[in-house]
């Protein structure tokens, strides 16, 4: 899954630690999400969207090729 979490987080002037605290996860979880090494649950995705004030479509997507695998 691809994402724009890092860009959105920086736009609202939050560190990984601050974002993590706001949504109740660890800073390491945010780091892994930003690197694309962890696929968050829908609930976690929506929590991130709320904090950075972006829609789900603006932050997360899966390429068509990945969906068919």
Protein backbone atom coordinates (compact mmCIF):
# COMPACT_ATOMS: atom_id res chain seq x y z
CA UNK A 1 0.00 0.00 0.00
CA UNK A 2 1.31 3.42 -0.91
CA UNK A 3 0.73 6.47 1.25
CA UNK A 4 1.32 10.18 1.75
CA UNK A 5 1.34 10.06 5.54
CA UNK A 6 4.77 11.65 5.93
CA UNK A 7 3.90 14.59 3.66
CA UNK A 8 0.56 15.15 5.39
CA UNK A 9 2.16 14.90 8.83
CA UNK A 10 4.78 17.49 7.95
CA UNK A 11 2.12 19.79 6.48
CA UNK A 12 0.36 19.93 9.86
CA UNK A 13 3.71 20.37 11.64
CA UNK A 14 3.70 17.14 13.64
CA UNK A 15 6.58 14.83 14.48
CA UNK A 16 6.16 11.08 14.21
CA UNK A 17 6.00 10.98 18.01
CA UNK A 18 3.27 13.62 18.19
CA UNK A 19 1.15 11.87 15.56
CA UNK A 20 1.64 8.54 17.31
CA UNK A 21 0.51 9.99 20.65
CA UNK A 22 -2.60 11.53 19.08
CA UNK A 23 -3.76 8.21 17.62
CA UNK A 24 -2.52 5.87 20.34
CA UNK A 25 0.30 3.97 18.63
CA UNK A 26 4.08 3.98 18.88
CA UNK A 27 6.41 6.23 16.93
CA UNK A 28 7.85 3.08 15.36
CA UNK A 29 4.41 2.21 13.96
CA UNK A 30 4.19 5.62 12.28
CA UNK A 31 7.69 5.18 10.87
CA UNK A 32 6.80 1.77 9.40
CA UNK A 33 3.56 3.12 7.91
CA UNK A 34 5.41 6.03 6.29
CA UNK A 35 7.99 3.64 4.82
CA UNK A 36 5.25 1.37 3.47
CA UNK A 37 6.44 -1.55 5.58
CA UNK A 38 3.27 -1.84 7.65
CA UNK A 39 -0.30 -1.88 6.39
CA UNK A 40 -2.47 -0.23 9.04
CA UNK A 41 -6.03 -1.26 9.77
CA UNK A 42 -8.83 0.81 8.32
CA UNK A 43 -9.52 2.21 11.78
CA UNK A 44 -5.90 3.34 12.13
CA UNK A 45 -5.95 4.85 8.62
CA UNK A 46 -9.05 6.84 9.50
CA UNK A 47 -7.49 8.03 12.76
CA UNK A 48 -4.48 9.32 10.85
CA UNK A 49 -6.78 11.00 8.33
CA UNK A 50 -8.63 12.79 11.13
CA UNK A 51 -5.45 14.14 12.71
CA UNK A 52 -3.84 15.35 9.47
CA UNK A 53 -7.18 16.54 8.05
CA UNK A 54 -6.99 14.55 4.81
CA UNK A 55 -9.33 12.05 3.20
CA UNK A 56 -8.58 8.35 2.98
CA UNK A 57 -8.11 8.72 -0.78
CA UNK A 58 -5.59 11.50 -0.29
CA UNK A 59 -3.44 9.43 2.07
CA UNK A 60 -3.68 5.76 1.08
CA UNK A 61 -3.98 3.79 -2.13
CA UNK A 62 -3.07 0.45 -3.67
CA UNK A 63 -1.91 0.20 -7.27
CA UNK A 64 -4.13 -1.90 -9.54
CA UNK A 65 -1.37 -4.45 -10.07
CA UNK A 66 -1.04 -4.97 -6.31
CA UNK A 67 -4.79 -5.56 -5.92
CA UNK A 68 -4.74 -8.49 -8.33
CA UNK A 69 -1.91 -10.32 -6.54
